[in-house]
């Protein structure tokens, strides 16, 4: 699977958020503010994971249909990946 610039940029933004959180911790910022930022970074990662799985699923289903294979197993695998990431 090829990862487009959109998904790479999402991950880079999360990376920046995490660096910012470390800075906040080093500066002794309030726990509530740190946790708010951690929650935002977690949400961004969860959404990125969902996007990656869905992009991959679309690609795999398309390939399977072209070759005449069943797609049910691919869908189940994608669901399992999403559940596991939670």
Protein backbone atom coordinates (compact mmCIF):
# COMPACT_ATOMS: atom_id res chain seq x y z
CA UNK A 1 0.00 0.00 0.00
CA UNK A 2 1.19 3.48 -0.78
CA UNK A 3 0.65 6.15 1.83
CA UNK A 4 -0.27 9.51 0.34
CA UNK A 5 0.99 12.87 1.55
CA UNK A 6 -2.30 13.56 3.35
CA UNK A 7 -1.88 10.64 5.75
CA UNK A 8 1.84 11.33 6.23
CA UNK A 9 1.03 14.94 7.11
CA UNK A 10 -1.54 13.78 9.66
CA UNK A 11 1.09 11.65 11.36
CA UNK A 12 3.60 14.50 11.30
CA UNK A 13 1.04 16.76 12.98
CA UNK A 14 0.58 14.17 15.74
CA UNK A 15 4.35 14.00 16.09
CA UNK A 16 4.38 17.77 16.59
CA UNK A 17 1.58 17.51 19.14
CA UNK A 18 3.56 14.95 21.11
CA UNK A 19 6.66 17.15 21.12
CA UNK A 20 4.47 19.99 22.37
CA UNK A 21 3.12 17.80 25.15
CA UNK A 22 6.63 16.92 26.29
CA UNK A 23 7.47 20.64 26.32
CA UNK A 24 4.36 21.32 28.40
CA UNK A 25 5.41 18.65 30.88
CA UNK A 26 8.94 20.03 31.10
CA UNK A 27 7.52 23.49 31.78
CA UNK A 28 5.28 22.13 34.54
CA UNK A 29 1.99 22.93 32.81
CA UNK A 30 -1.26 22.02 34.52
CA UNK A 31 -2.27 18.35 34.39
CA UNK A 32 -5.65 19.25 32.86
CA UNK A 33 -3.97 21.02 29.93
CA UNK A 34 -1.52 18.16 29.36
CA UNK A 35 -4.34 15.62 29.41
CA UNK A 36 -6.38 17.71 26.97
CA UNK A 37 -3.48 17.65 24.52
CA UNK A 38 -2.88 13.92 25.06
CA UNK A 39 -6.54 13.28 24.31
CA UNK A 40 -6.33 15.35 21.12
CA UNK A 41 -3.22 13.46 19.98
CA UNK A 42 -4.88 10.10 20.72
CA UNK A 43 -7.95 11.10 18.73
CA UNK A 44 -5.79 12.20 15.81
CA UNK A 45 -3.95 8.85 15.87
CA UNK A 46 -7.23 6.91 16.05
CA UNK A 47 -8.59 8.79 13.05
CA UNK A 48 -5.37 8.25 11.13
CA UNK A 49 -5.50 4.53 11.87
CA UNK A 50 -9.09 4.38 10.66
CA UNK A 51 -8.18 6.20 7.48
CA UNK A 52 -5.25 3.88 6.78
CA UNK A 53 -7.36 0.76 7.33
CA UNK A 54 -10.19 2.06 5.16
CA UNK A 55 -7.82 3.07 2.34
CA UNK A 56 -6.20 -0.35 2.48
CA UNK A 57 -9.57 -2.13 2.58
CA UNK A 58 -10.80 -0.31 -0.51
CA UNK A 59 -7.61 -1.23 -2.35
CA UNK A 60 -7.73 -4.88 -1.25
CA UNK A 61 -11.43 -5.31 -2.07
CA UNK A 62 -10.88 -3.80 -5.52
CA UNK A 63 -7.98 -6.20 -6.15
CA UNK A 64 -9.97 -9.18 -4.84
CA UNK A 65 -12.96 -8.47 -7.03
CA UNK A 66 -10.75 -8.14 -10.08
CA UNK A 67 -9.22 -11.54 -9.37
CA UNK A 68 -12.56 -13.14 -8.45
CA UNK A 69 -11.66 -13.74 -4.79
CA UNK A 70 -14.01 -13.45 -1.81
CA UNK A 71 -13.94 -10.17 0.06
CA UNK A 72 -15.55 -11.22 3.36
CA UNK A 73 -12.25 -12.23 4.93
CA UNK A 74 -10.69 -8.89 4.00
CA UNK A 75 -13.52 -6.98 5.62
CA UNK A 76 -13.26 -9.08 8.78
CA UNK A 77 -9.51 -8.51 8.93
CA UNK A 78 -10.03 -4.75 8.59
CA UNK A 79 -12.61 -4.77 11.39
CA UNK A 80 -10.22 -6.76 13.60
CA UNK A 81 -7.45 -4.23 12.96
CA UNK A 82 -9.70 -1.37 13.97
CA UNK A 83 -10.91 -3.13 17.10
CA UNK A 84 -7.36 -4.06 18.07
CA UNK A 85 -6.23 -0.43 17.72
CA UNK A 86 -8.80 0.75 20.26
